[in-house]
C-alpha cells in the first residue's frame, strides 16, 4: 500500500487522516505508539534536539528552514542543503557549515534519529 492508501484506511478507523507512515508502522507494531502527523512528529523531534542547546539567531532561522523541509521529506542530509531552493537561496551547505560549524554533521544525524524515533 502506498502512504495515501494507508492514510485513508487509518482515517476510516478513526485515526488522523494525515498520519505519517512512520507512525502508522509503529502503531501497527504496538497499539501504544501514538499516531502522529508528519508535522507533529517533526515538532517533537525538533524540540528534542534543540532542548538544552543555545542557538544564535541565524542558526534558529536555519533550524526553521530545516523543520519545514523535514515536514515534507521526513529526513535531511547535508547534500539537501544544495539541492532544495529554500537552502540553496541562502547559501546552501557552504553557508550552513559556516553558521553551524563542526556541529552540522552531528545536528543532521540527531535530527534524523529523532524523527525516526
PDB file of N, CA and C in Angstrom:
ATOM      1  N   UNK A   1       0.830  -1.187   0.000  1.00  0.00           N
ATOM      2  CA  UNK A   1       0.000   0.000   0.000  1.00  0.00           C
ATOM      3  C   UNK A   1       0.869   1.244   0.000  1.00  0.00           C
ATOM      4  N   UNK A   2       0.435   2.247  -0.738  1.00  0.00           N
ATOM      5  CA  UNK A   2       1.174   3.496  -0.679  1.00  0.00           C
ATOM      6  C   UNK A   2       0.685   4.309   0.523  1.00  0.00           C
ATOM      7  N   UNK A   3       1.392   5.389   0.828  1.00  0.00           N
ATOM      8  CA  UNK A   3       1.101   6.178   2.026  1.00  0.00           C
ATOM      9  C   UNK A   3      -0.313   6.761   1.984  1.00  0.00           C
ATOM     10  N   UNK A   4      -0.761   7.220   0.825  1.00  0.00           N
ATOM     11  CA  UNK A   4      -2.111   7.802   0.706  1.00  0.00           C
ATOM     12  C   UNK A   4      -3.184   6.766   1.052  1.00  0.00           C
ATOM     13  N   UNK A   5      -3.012   5.545   0.579  1.00  0.00           N
ATOM     14  CA  UNK A   5      -3.986   4.487   0.870  1.00  0.00           C
ATOM     15  C   UNK A   5      -3.992   4.157   2.360  1.00  0.00           C
ATOM     16  N   UNK A   6      -2.804   4.120   2.956  1.00  0.00           N
ATOM     17  CA  UNK A   6      -2.727   3.859   4.399  1.00  0.00           C
ATOM     18  C   UNK A   6      -3.371   4.989   5.196  1.00  0.00           C
ATOM     19  N   UNK A   7      -3.159   6.230   4.769  1.00  0.00           N
ATOM     20  CA  UNK A   7      -3.778   7.359   5.451  1.00  0.00           C
ATOM     21  C   UNK A   7      -5.302   7.266   5.369  1.00  0.00           C
ATOM     22  N   UNK A   8      -5.798   6.912   4.217  1.00  0.00           N
ATOM     23  CA  UNK A   8      -7.253   6.785   4.033  1.00  0.00           C
ATOM     24  C   UNK A   8      -7.807   5.674   4.924  1.00  0.00           C
ATOM     25  N   UNK A   9      -7.112   4.550   4.986  1.00  0.00           N
ATOM     26  CA  UNK A   9      -7.550   3.444   5.839  1.00  0.00           C
ATOM     27  C   UNK A   9      -7.515   3.845   7.308  1.00  0.00           C
ATOM     28  N   UNK A  10      -6.479   4.543   7.720  1.00  0.00           N
ATOM     29  CA  UNK A  10      -6.384   4.994   9.109  1.00  0.00           C
ATOM     30  C   UNK A  10      -7.497   5.968   9.444  1.00  0.00           C
ATOM     31  N   UNK A  11      -7.825   6.855   8.507  1.00  0.00           N
ATOM     32  CA  UNK A  11      -8.896   7.829   8.748  1.00  0.00           C
ATOM     33  C   UNK A  11     -10.234   7.114   8.943  1.00  0.00           C
ATOM     34  N   UNK A  12     -10.482   6.075   8.163  1.00  0.00           N
ATOM     35  CA  UNK A  12     -11.741   5.346   8.270  1.00  0.00           C
ATOM     36  C   UNK A  12     -11.867   4.589   9.582  1.00  0.00           C
ATOM     37  N   UNK A  13     -10.736   4.309  10.221  1.00  0.00           N
ATOM     38  CA  UNK A  13     -10.786   3.613  11.510  1.00  0.00           C
ATOM     39  C   UNK A  13     -10.702   4.585  12.681  1.00  0.00           C
ATOM     40  N   UNK A  14     -10.830   5.892  12.377  1.00  0.00           N
ATOM     41  CA  UNK A  14     -10.885   6.888  13.434  1.00  0.00           C
ATOM     42  C   UNK A  14      -9.569   7.554  13.773  1.00  0.00           C
ATOM     43  N   UNK A  15      -8.521   7.300  13.005  1.00  0.00           N
ATOM     44  CA  UNK A  15      -7.231   7.927  13.262  1.00  0.00           C
ATOM     45  C   UNK A  15      -7.063   9.166  12.391  1.00  0.00           C
ATOM     46  N   UNK A  16      -6.016   9.930  12.637  1.00  0.00           N
ATOM     47  CA  UNK A  16      -5.746  11.147  11.885  1.00  0.00           C
ATOM     48  C   UNK A  16      -5.517  10.831  10.416  1.00  0.00           C
ATOM     49  N   UNK A  17      -6.136  11.616   9.551  1.00  0.00           N
ATOM     50  CA  UNK A  17      -6.019  11.389   8.115  1.00  0.00           C
ATOM     51  C   UNK A  17      -4.614  11.646   7.606  1.00  0.00           C
ATOM     52  N   UNK A  18      -3.888  12.554   8.214  1.00  0.00           N
ATOM     53  CA  UNK A  18      -2.563  12.907   7.725  1.00  0.00           C
ATOM     54  C   UNK A  18      -1.446  12.242   8.516  1.00  0.00           C
ATOM     55  N   UNK A  19      -1.756  11.138   9.161  1.00  0.00           N
ATOM     56  CA  UNK A  19      -0.731  10.417   9.916  1.00  0.00           C
ATOM     57  C   UNK A  19       0.412  10.049   8.985  1.00  0.00           C
ATOM     58  N   UNK A  20       1.642  10.166   9.496  1.00  0.00           N
ATOM     59  CA  UNK A  20       2.768   9.829   8.632  1.00  0.00           C
ATOM     60  C   UNK A  20       3.027   8.329   8.676  1.00  0.00           C
ATOM     61  N   UNK A  21       3.737   7.861   7.690  1.00  0.00           N
ATOM     62  CA  UNK A  21       3.972   6.431   7.510  1.00  0.00           C
ATOM     63  C   UNK A  21       4.722   5.827   8.695  1.00  0.00           C
ATOM     64  N   UNK A  22       5.648   6.586   9.288  1.00  0.00           N
ATOM     65  CA  UNK A  22       6.394   6.082  10.445  1.00  0.00           C
ATOM     66  C   UNK A  22       5.441   5.777  11.587  1.00  0.00           C
ATOM     67  N   UNK A  23       4.513   6.687  11.849  1.00  0.00           N
ATOM     68  CA  UNK A  23       3.544   6.481  12.928  1.00  0.00           C
ATOM     69  C   UNK A  23       2.642   5.290  12.650  1.00  0.00           C
ATOM     70  N   UNK A  24       2.226   5.135  11.399  1.00  0.00           N
ATOM     71  CA  UNK A  24       1.344   4.023  11.054  1.00  0.00           C
ATOM     72  C   UNK A  24       2.032   2.683  11.307  1.00  0.00           C
ATOM     73  N   UNK A  25       3.279   2.580  10.905  1.00  0.00           N
ATOM     74  CA  UNK A  25       4.023   1.336  11.094  1.00  0.00           C
ATOM     75  C   UNK A  25       4.256   1.073  12.573  1.00  0.00           C
ATOM     76  N   UNK A  26       4.659   2.112  13.313  1.00  0.00           N
ATOM     77  CA  UNK A  26       4.888   1.940  14.748  1.00  0.00           C
ATOM     78  C   UNK A  26       3.605   1.547  15.466  1.00  0.00           C
ATOM     79  N   UNK A  27       2.498   2.144  15.072  1.00  0.00           N
ATOM     80  CA  UNK A  27       1.225   1.815  15.706  1.00  0.00           C
ATOM     81  C   UNK A  27       0.813   0.375  15.378  1.00  0.00           C
ATOM     82  N   UNK A  28       1.096  -0.035  14.156  1.00  0.00           N
ATOM     83  CA  UNK A  28       0.771  -1.416  13.779  1.00  0.00           C
ATOM     84  C   UNK A  28       1.588  -2.406  14.610  1.00  0.00           C
ATOM     85  N   UNK A  29       2.821  -2.033  14.944  1.00  0.00           N
ATOM     86  CA  UNK A  29       3.677  -2.906  15.745  1.00  0.00           C
ATOM     87  C   UNK A  29       3.308  -2.859  17.225  1.00  0.00           C
ATOM     88  N   UNK A  30       2.817  -1.725  17.678  1.00  0.00           N
ATOM     89  CA  UNK A  30       2.446  -1.555  19.079  1.00  0.00           C
ATOM     90  C   UNK A  30       1.293  -0.567  19.187  1.00  0.00           C
ATOM     91  N   UNK A  31       0.156  -1.035  19.643  1.00  0.00           N
ATOM     92  CA  UNK A  31      -1.013  -0.157  19.754  1.00  0.00           C
ATOM     93  C   UNK A  31      -0.776   1.014  20.696  1.00  0.00           C
ATOM     94  N   UNK A  32       0.278   0.955  21.509  1.00  0.00           N
ATOM     95  CA  UNK A  32       0.595   2.041  22.433  1.00  0.00           C
ATOM     96  C   UNK A  32       1.280   3.217  21.727  1.00  0.00           C
ATOM     97  N   UNK A  33       1.847   2.985  20.560  1.00  0.00           N
ATOM     98  CA  UNK A  33       2.536   4.047  19.827  1.00  0.00           C
ATOM     99  C   UNK A  33       1.520   5.053  19.310  1.00  0.00           C
ATOM    100  N   UNK A  34       1.779   6.347  19.532  1.00  0.00           N
ATOM    101  CA  UNK A  34       0.820   7.362  19.081  1.00  0.00           C
ATOM    102  C   UNK A  34       0.811   7.499  17.562  1.00  0.00           C
ATOM    103  N   UNK A  35      -0.318   7.903  17.042  1.00  0.00           N
ATOM    104  CA  UNK A  35      -0.438   8.205  15.625  1.00  0.00           C
ATOM    105  C   UNK A  35      -0.200   9.702  15.481  1.00  0.00           C
ATOM    106  N   UNK A  36       0.837  10.064  14.752  1.00  0.00           N
ATOM    107  CA  UNK A  36       1.212  11.460  14.592  1.00  0.00           C
ATOM    108  C   UNK A  36       1.160  11.865  13.123  1.00  0.00           C
ATOM    109  N   UNK A  37       0.891  13.138  12.885  1.00  0.00           N
ATOM    110  CA  UNK A  37       1.073  13.666  11.538  1.00  0.00           C
ATOM    111  C   UNK A  37       2.562  13.934  11.366  1.00  0.00           C
ATOM    112  N   UNK A  38       2.984  14.140  10.141  1.00  0.00           N
ATOM    113  CA  UNK A  38       4.393  14.460   9.901  1.00  0.00           C
ATOM    114  C   UNK A  38       4.782  15.725  10.655  1.00  0.00           C
ATOM    115  N   UNK A  39       3.921  16.715  10.661  1.00  0.00           N
ATOM    116  CA  UNK A  39       4.224  17.965  11.363  1.00  0.00           C
ATOM    117  C   UNK A  39       4.389  17.743  12.867  1.00  0.00           C
ATOM    118  N   UNK A  40       3.512  16.933  13.462  1.00  0.00           N
ATOM    119  CA  UNK A  40       3.632  16.637  14.890  1.00  0.00           C
ATOM    120  C   UNK A  40       4.937  15.887  15.187  1.00  0.00           C
ATOM    121  N   UNK A  41       5.264  14.929  14.333  1.00  0.00           N
ATOM    122  CA  UNK A  41       6.498  14.154  14.511  1.00  0.00           C
ATOM    123  C   UNK A  41       7.716  15.077  14.451  1.00  0.00           C
ATOM    124  N   UNK A  42       7.726  15.989  13.485  1.00  0.00           N
ATOM    125  CA  UNK A  42       8.868  16.885  13.308  1.00  0.00           C
ATOM    126  C   UNK A  42       8.969  17.878  14.460  1.00  0.00           C
ATOM    127  N   UNK A  43       7.858  18.447  14.885  1.00  0.00           N
ATOM    128  CA  UNK A  43       7.889  19.387  16.014  1.00  0.00           C
ATOM    129  C   UNK A  43       8.448  18.701  17.264  1.00  0.00           C
ATOM    130  N   UNK A  44       8.020  17.476  17.507  1.00  0.00           N
ATOM    131  CA  UNK A  44       8.520  16.717  18.660  1.00  0.00           C
ATOM    132  C   UNK A  44      10.028  16.470  18.515  1.00  0.00           C
ATOM    133  N   UNK A  45      10.463  16.084  17.331  1.00  0.00           N
ATOM    134  CA  UNK A  45      11.881  15.810  17.083  1.00  0.00           C
ATOM    135  C   UNK A  45      12.715  17.075  17.250  1.00  0.00           C
ATOM    136  N   UNK A  46      12.230  18.197  16.734  1.00  0.00           N
ATOM    137  CA  UNK A  46      12.973  19.451  16.841  1.00  0.00           C
ATOM    138  C   UNK A  46      13.127  19.866  18.301  1.00  0.00           C
ATOM    139  N   UNK A  47      12.045  19.752  19.067  1.00  0.00           N
ATOM    140  CA  UNK A  47      12.116  20.100  20.492  1.00  0.00           C
ATOM    141  C   UNK A  47      13.152  19.238  21.204  1.00  0.00           C
ATOM    142  N   UNK A  48      13.141  17.952  20.880  1.00  0.00           N
ATOM    143  CA  UNK A  48      14.073  17.010  21.496  1.00  0.00           C
ATOM    144  C   UNK A  48      15.522  17.380  21.183  1.00  0.00           C
ATOM    145  N   UNK A  49      15.797  17.743  19.960  1.00  0.00           N
ATOM    146  CA  UNK A  49      17.167  18.033  19.535  1.00  0.00           C
ATOM    147  C   UNK A  49      17.653  19.387  20.055  1.00  0.00           C
ATOM    148  N   UNK A  50      16.811  20.401  20.040  1.00  0.00           N
ATOM    149  CA  UNK A  50      17.283  21.730  20.447  1.00  0.00           C
ATOM    150  C   UNK A  50      17.253  21.933  21.957  1.00  0.00           C
ATOM    151  N   UNK A  51      16.537  21.079  22.680  1.00  0.00           N
ATOM    152  CA  UNK A  51      16.444  21.226  24.130  1.00  0.00           C
ATOM    153  C   UNK A  51      17.827  21.217  24.777  1.00  0.00           C
ATOM    154  N   UNK A  52      18.075  22.229  25.588  1.00  0.00           N
ATOM    155  CA  UNK A  52      19.331  22.294  26.313  1.00  0.00           C
ATOM    156  C   UNK A  52      20.496  22.865  25.520  1.00  0.00           C
ATOM    157  N   UNK A  53      20.256  23.271  24.282  1.00  0.00           N
ATOM    158  CA  UNK A  53      21.307  23.859  23.451  1.00  0.00           C
ATOM    159  C   UNK A  53      21.008  25.336  23.229  1.00  0.00           C
ATOM    160  N   UNK A  54      22.039  26.107  23.040  1.00  0.00           N
ATOM    161  CA  UNK A  54      21.875  27.517  22.704  1.00  0.00           C
ATOM    162  C   UNK A  54      22.164  27.689  21.220  1.00  0.00           C
ATOM    163  N   UNK A  55      21.268  28.382  20.525  1.00  0.00           N
ATOM    164  CA  UNK A  55      21.453  28.653  19.105  1.00  0.00           C
ATOM    165  C   UNK A  55      21.374  30.153  18.874  1.00  0.00           C
ATOM    166  N   UNK A  56      22.271  30.661  18.047  1.00  0.00           N
ATOM    167  CA  UNK A  56      22.269  32.064  17.638  1.00  0.00           C
ATOM    168  C   UNK A  56      21.057  32.310  16.731  1.00  0.00           C
ATOM    169  N   UNK A  57      20.754  33.582  16.506  1.00  0.00           N
ATOM    170  CA  UNK A  57      19.601  33.976  15.701  1.00  0.00           C
ATOM    171  C   UNK A  57      19.625  33.342  14.308  1.00  0.00           C
ATOM    172  N   UNK A  58      20.754  33.412  13.627  1.00  0.00           N
ATOM    173  CA  UNK A  58      20.840  32.849  12.278  1.00  0.00           C
ATOM    174  C   UNK A  58      20.708  31.329  12.296  1.00  0.00           C
ATOM    175  N   UNK A  59      21.216  30.687  13.320  1.00  0.00           N
ATOM    176  CA  UNK A  59      21.055  29.237  13.458  1.00  0.00           C
ATOM    177  C   UNK A  59      19.578  28.890  13.617  1.00  0.00           C
ATOM    178  N   UNK A  60      18.863  29.676  14.407  1.00  0.00           N
ATOM    179  CA  UNK A  60      17.425  29.434  14.607  1.00  0.00           C
ATOM    180  C   UNK A  60      16.656  29.596  13.300  1.00  0.00           C
ATOM    181  N   UNK A  61      17.058  30.563  12.481  1.00  0.00           N
ATOM    182  CA  UNK A  61      16.412  30.740  11.179  1.00  0.00           C
ATOM    183  C   UNK A  61      16.626  29.509  10.309  1.00  0.00           C
ATOM    184  N   UNK A  62      17.837  28.980  10.318  1.00  0.00           N
ATOM    185  CA  UNK A  62      18.128  27.768   9.550  1.00  0.00           C
ATOM    186  C   UNK A  62      17.368  26.569  10.117  1.00  0.00           C
ATOM    187  N   UNK A  63      17.268  26.497  11.418  1.00  0.00           N
ATOM    188  CA  UNK A  63      16.519  25.391  12.022  1.00  0.00           C
ATOM    189  C   UNK A  63      15.050  25.435  11.613  1.00  0.00           C
ATOM    190  N   UNK A  64      14.495  26.625  11.449  1.00  0.00           N
ATOM    191  CA  UNK A  64      13.117  26.741  10.961  1.00  0.00           C
ATOM    192  C   UNK A  64      13.000  26.225   9.527  1.00  0.00           C
ATOM    193  N   UNK A  65      13.984  26.556   8.698  1.00  0.00           N
ATOM    194  CA  UNK A  65      14.006  26.038   7.322  1.00  0.00           C
ATOM    195  C   UNK A  65      14.121  24.517   7.318  1.00  0.00           C
ATOM    196  N   UNK A  66      14.990  24.018   8.167  1.00  0.00           N
ATOM    197  CA  UNK A  66      15.181  22.566   8.263  1.00  0.00           C
ATOM    198  C   UNK A  66      13.898  21.898   8.735  1.00  0.00           C
ATOM    199  N   UNK A  67      13.213  22.508   9.699  1.00  0.00           N
ATOM    200  CA  UNK A  67      11.952  21.951  10.185  1.00  0.00           C
ATOM    201  C   UNK A  67      10.927  21.867   9.055  1.00  0.00           C
ATOM    202  N   UNK A  68      10.807  22.922   8.272  1.00  0.00           N
ATOM    203  CA  UNK A  68       9.868  22.906   7.132  1.00  0.00           C
ATOM    204  C   UNK A  68      10.235  21.817   6.137  1.00  0.00           C
ATOM    205  N   UNK A  69      11.516  21.665   5.892  1.00  0.00           N
ATOM    206  CA  UNK A  69      11.994  20.623   4.981  1.00  0.00           C
ATOM    207  C   UNK A  69      11.634  19.244   5.523  1.00  0.00           C
ATOM    208  N   UNK A  70      11.851  19.041   6.806  1.00  0.00           N
ATOM    209  CA  UNK A  70      11.587  17.740   7.416  1.00  0.00           C
ATOM    210  C   UNK A  70      10.110  17.368   7.370  1.00  0.00           C
ATOM    211  N   UNK A  71       9.223  18.338   7.492  1.00  0.00           N
ATOM    212  CA  UNK A  71       7.790  18.046   7.447  1.00  0.00           C
ATOM    213  C   UNK A  71       7.423  17.383   6.121  1.00  0.00           C
ATOM    214  N   UNK A  72       8.033  17.837   5.044  1.00  0.00           N
ATOM    215  CA  UNK A  72       7.696  17.254   3.743  1.00  0.00           C
ATOM    216  C   UNK A  72       8.570  16.066   3.359  1.00  0.00           C
ATOM    217  N   UNK A  73       9.803  16.002   3.884  1.00  0.00           N
ATOM    218  CA  UNK A  73      10.746  14.960   3.462  1.00  0.00           C
ATOM    219  C   UNK A  73      11.011  13.878   4.507  1.00  0.00           C
ATOM    220  N   UNK A  74      10.784  14.186   5.791  1.00  0.00           N
ATOM    221  CA  UNK A  74      10.999  13.280   6.925  1.00  0.00           C
ATOM    222  C   UNK A  74      12.452  12.853   7.133  1.00  0.00           C
ATOM    223  N   UNK A  75      13.370  13.486   6.429  1.00  0.00           N
ATOM    224  CA  UNK A  75      14.797  13.272   6.668  1.00  0.00           C
ATOM    225  C   UNK A  75      15.556  14.423   6.027  1.00  0.00           C
ATOM    226  N   UNK A  76      16.811  14.546   6.424  1.00  0.00           N
ATOM    227  CA  UNK A  76      17.656  15.585   5.830  1.00  0.00           C
ATOM    228  C   UNK A  76      19.078  15.059   5.754  1.00  0.00           C
ATOM    229  N   UNK A  77      19.776  15.487   4.725  1.00  0.00           N
ATOM    230  CA  UNK A  77      21.196  15.189   4.554  1.00  0.00           C
ATOM    231  C   UNK A  77      21.887  16.509   4.230  1.00  0.00           C
ATOM    232  N   UNK A  78      23.163  16.594   4.534  1.00  0.00           N
ATOM    233  CA  UNK A  78      23.881  17.834   4.219  1.00  0.00           C
ATOM    234  C   UNK A  78      23.757  18.173   2.729  1.00  0.00           C
ATOM    235  N   UNK A  79      23.729  17.166   1.885  1.00  0.00           N
ATOM    236  CA  UNK A  79      23.613  17.384   0.443  1.00  0.00           C
ATOM    237  C   UNK A  79      22.297  18.080   0.080  1.00  0.00           C
ATOM    238  N   UNK A  80      21.258  17.859   0.876  1.00  0.00           N
ATOM    239  CA  UNK A  80      19.969  18.507   0.622  1.00  0.00           C
ATOM    240  C   UNK A  80      20.086  20.022   0.665  1.00  0.00           C
ATOM    241  N   UNK A  81      21.056  20.514   1.406  1.00  0.00           N
ATOM    242  CA  UNK A  81      21.219  21.952   1.563  1.00  0.00           C
ATOM    243  C   UNK A  81      21.675  22.629   0.272  1.00  0.00           C
ATOM    244  N   UNK A  82      22.138  21.838  -0.687  1.00  0.00           N
ATOM    245  CA  UNK A  82      22.470  22.365  -2.012  1.00  0.00           C
ATOM    246  C   UNK A  82      21.431  21.969  -3.062  1.00  0.00           C
ATOM    247  N   UNK A  83      20.490  21.125  -2.698  1.00  0.00           N
ATOM    248  CA  UNK A  83      19.519  20.630  -3.674  1.00  0.00           C
ATOM    249  C   UNK A  83      18.160  21.315  -3.595  1.00  0.00           C
ATOM    250  N   UNK A  84      17.795  21.798  -2.422  1.00  0.00           N
ATOM    251  CA  UNK A  84      16.474  22.390  -2.239  1.00  0.00           C
ATOM    252  C   UNK A  84      16.590  23.905  -2.220  1.00  0.00           C
ATOM    253  N   UNK A  85      15.756  24.607  -3.014  1.00  0.00           N
ATOM    254  CA  UNK A  85      15.862  26.060  -3.143  1.00  0.00           C
ATOM    255  C   UNK A  85      15.820  26.840  -1.821  1.00  0.00           C
ATOM    256  N   UNK A  86      15.046  26.401  -0.853  1.00  0.00           N
ATOM    257  CA  UNK A  86      14.964  27.126   0.419  1.00  0.00           C
ATOM    258  C   UNK A  86      16.335  27.258   1.065  1.00  0.00           C
ATOM    259  N   UNK A  87      17.166  26.246   0.902  1.00  0.00           N
ATOM    260  CA  UNK A  87      18.523  26.275   1.449  1.00  0.00           C
ATOM    261  C   UNK A  87      19.506  26.901   0.455  1.00  0.00           C
ATOM    262  N   UNK A  88      19.382  26.472  -0.785  1.00  0.00           N
ATOM    263  CA  UNK A  88      20.294  26.929  -1.825  1.00  0.00           C
ATOM    264  C   UNK A  88      20.271  28.453  -1.952  1.00  0.00           C
ATOM    265  N   UNK A  89      19.076  29.044  -1.846  1.00  0.00           N
ATOM    266  CA  UNK A  89      18.937  30.500  -1.952  1.00  0.00           C
ATOM    267  C   UNK A  89      19.584  31.243  -0.791  1.00  0.00           C
ATOM    268  N   UNK A  90      19.923  30.530   0.263  1.00  0.00           N
ATOM    269  CA  UNK A  90      20.564  31.142   1.434  1.00  0.00           C
ATOM    270  C   UNK A  90      22.032  30.739   1.574  1.00  0.00           C
ATOM    271  N   UNK A  91      22.572  30.191   0.503  1.00  0.00           N
ATOM    272  CA  UNK A  91      23.992  29.856   0.514  1.00  0.00           C
ATOM    273  C   UNK A  91      24.306  28.384   0.598  1.00  0.00           C
ATOM    274  N   UNK A  92      23.277  27.556   0.705  1.00  0.00           N
ATOM    275  CA  UNK A  92      23.459  26.113   0.673  1.00  0.00           C
ATOM    276  C   UNK A  92      24.312  25.558   1.795  1.00  0.00           C
ATOM    277  N   UNK A  93      24.898  24.421   1.514  1.00  0.00           N
ATOM    278  CA  UNK A  93      25.667  23.697   2.526  1.00  0.00           C
ATOM    279  C   UNK A  93      26.880  24.510   2.996  1.00  0.00           C
ATOM    280  N   UNK A  94      27.460  25.266   2.109  1.00  0.00           N
ATOM    281  CA  UNK A  94      28.626  26.085   2.486  1.00  0.00           C
ATOM    282  C   UNK A  94      28.238  27.081   3.590  1.00  0.00           C
ATOM    283  N   UNK A  95      27.099  27.750   3.414  1.00  0.00           N
ATOM    284  CA  UNK A  95      26.638  28.717   4.423  1.00  0.00           C
ATOM    285  C   UNK A  95      26.253  27.997   5.715  1.00  0.00           C
ATOM    286  N   UNK A  96      25.579  26.870   5.600  1.00  0.00           N
ATOM    287  CA  UNK A  96      25.183  26.112   6.793  1.00  0.00           C
ATOM    288  C   UNK A  96      26.414  25.671   7.582  1.00  0.00           C
ATOM    289  N   UNK A  97      27.441  25.252   6.889  1.00  0.00           N
ATOM    290  CA  UNK A  97      28.681  24.836   7.570  1.00  0.00           C
ATOM    291  C   UNK A  97      29.340  26.025   8.276  1.00  0.00           C
ATOM    292  N   UNK A  98      29.239  27.197   7.663  1.00  0.00           N
ATOM    293  CA  UNK A  98      29.801  28.392   8.291  1.00  0.00           C
ATOM    294  C   UNK A  98      29.005  28.762   9.542  1.00  0.00           C
ATOM    295  N   UNK A  99      27.692  28.637   9.463  1.00  0.00           N
ATOM    296  CA  UNK A  99      26.822  29.013  10.584  1.00  0.00           C
ATOM    297  C   UNK A  99      26.930  28.014  11.737  1.00  0.00           C
ATOM    298  N   UNK A 100      26.815  26.727  11.430  1.00  0.00           N
ATOM    299  CA  UNK A 100      26.801  25.695  12.471  1.00  0.00           C
ATOM    300  C   UNK A 100      28.195  25.151  12.799  1.00  0.00           C
ATOM    301  N   UNK A 101      29.131  25.367  11.916  1.00  0.00           N
ATOM    302  CA  UNK A 101      30.483  24.886  12.144  1.00  0.00           C
ATOM    303  C   UNK A 101      30.542  23.372  12.219  1.00  0.00           C
ATOM    304  N   UNK A 102      31.359  22.891  13.124  1.00  0.00           N
ATOM    305  CA  UNK A 102      31.557  21.442  13.275  1.00  0.00           C
ATOM    306  C   UNK A 102      30.321  20.723  13.790  1.00  0.00           C
ATOM    307  N   UNK A 103      29.338  21.483  14.280  1.00  0.00           N
ATOM    308  CA  UNK A 103      28.115  20.866  14.813  1.00  0.00           C
ATOM    309  C   UNK A 103      27.161  20.374  13.726  1.00  0.00           C
ATOM    310  N   UNK A 104      27.330  20.826  12.481  1.00  0.00           N
ATOM    311  CA  UNK A 104      26.366  20.488  11.432  1.00  0.00           C
ATOM    312  C   UNK A 104      26.198  18.981  11.227  1.00  0.00           C
ATOM    313  N   UNK A 105      27.246  18.197  11.040  1.00  0.00           N
ATOM    314  CA  UNK A 105      27.042  16.758  10.826  1.00  0.00           C
ATOM    315  C   UNK A 105      26.317  16.075  11.987  1.00  0.00           C
ATOM    316  N   UNK A 106      26.680  16.423  13.204  1.00  0.00           N
ATOM    317  CA  UNK A 106      26.016  15.781  14.348  1.00  0.00           C
ATOM    318  C   UNK A 106      24.573  16.270  14.490  1.00  0.00           C
ATOM    319  N   UNK A 107      24.311  17.520  14.138  1.00  0.00           N
ATOM    320  CA  UNK A 107      22.952  18.039  14.182  1.00  0.00           C
ATOM    321  C   UNK A 107      22.062  17.306  13.183  1.00  0.00           C
ATOM    322  N   UNK A 108      22.562  17.114  11.978  1.00  0.00           N
ATOM    323  CA  UNK A 108      21.815  16.387  10.943  1.00  0.00           C
ATOM    324  C   UNK A 108      21.538  14.958  11.414  1.00  0.00           C
ATOM    325  N   UNK A 109      22.543  14.331  11.980  1.00  0.00           N
ATOM    326  CA  UNK A 109      22.382  12.947  12.473  1.00  0.00           C
ATOM    327  C   UNK A 109      21.352  12.883  13.608  1.00  0.00           C
ATOM    328  N   UNK A 110      21.439  13.818  14.549  1.00  0.00           N
ATOM    329  CA  UNK A 110      20.484  13.854  15.671  1.00  0.00           C
ATOM    330  C   UNK A 110      19.060  14.085  15.192  1.00  0.00           C
ATOM    331  N   UNK A 111      18.899  14.999  14.242  1.00  0.00           N
ATOM    332  CA  UNK A 111      17.556  15.296  13.715  1.00  0.00           C
ATOM    333  C   UNK A 111      16.952  14.063  13.049  1.00  0.00           C
ATOM    334  N   UNK A 112      17.719  13.398  12.224  1.00  0.00           N
ATOM    335  CA  UNK A 112      17.212  12.197  11.549  1.00  0.00           C
ATOM    336  C   UNK A 112      16.853  11.101  12.557  1.00  0.00           C
ATOM    337  N   UNK A 113      17.684  10.939  13.572  1.00  0.00           N
ATOM    338  CA  UNK A 113      17.403   9.927  14.596  1.00  0.00           C
ATOM    339  C   UNK A 113      16.146  10.285  15.377  1.00  0.00           C
ATOM    340  N   UNK A 114      15.973  11.566  15.703  1.00  0.00           N
ATOM    341  CA  UNK A 114      14.796  11.989  16.466  1.00  0.00           C
ATOM    342  C   UNK A 114      13.525  11.846  15.642  1.00  0.00           C
ATOM    343  N   UNK A 115      13.601  12.093  14.361  1.00  0.00           N
ATOM    344  CA  UNK A 115      12.419  11.931  13.500  1.00  0.00           C
ATOM    345  C   UNK A 115      12.023  10.466  13.420  1.00  0.00           C
ATOM    346  N   UNK A 116      12.990   9.591  13.312  1.00  0.00           N
ATOM    347  CA  UNK A 116      12.696   8.155  13.189  1.00  0.00           C
ATOM    348  C   UNK A 116      12.307   7.503  14.518  1.00  0.00           C
ATOM    349  N   UNK A 117      12.631   8.155  15.625  1.00  0.00           N
ATOM    350  CA  UNK A 117      12.358   7.562  16.946  1.00  0.00           C
ATOM    351  C   UNK A 117      10.881   7.464  17.239  1.00  0.00           C
TER     352      UNK A 117
END
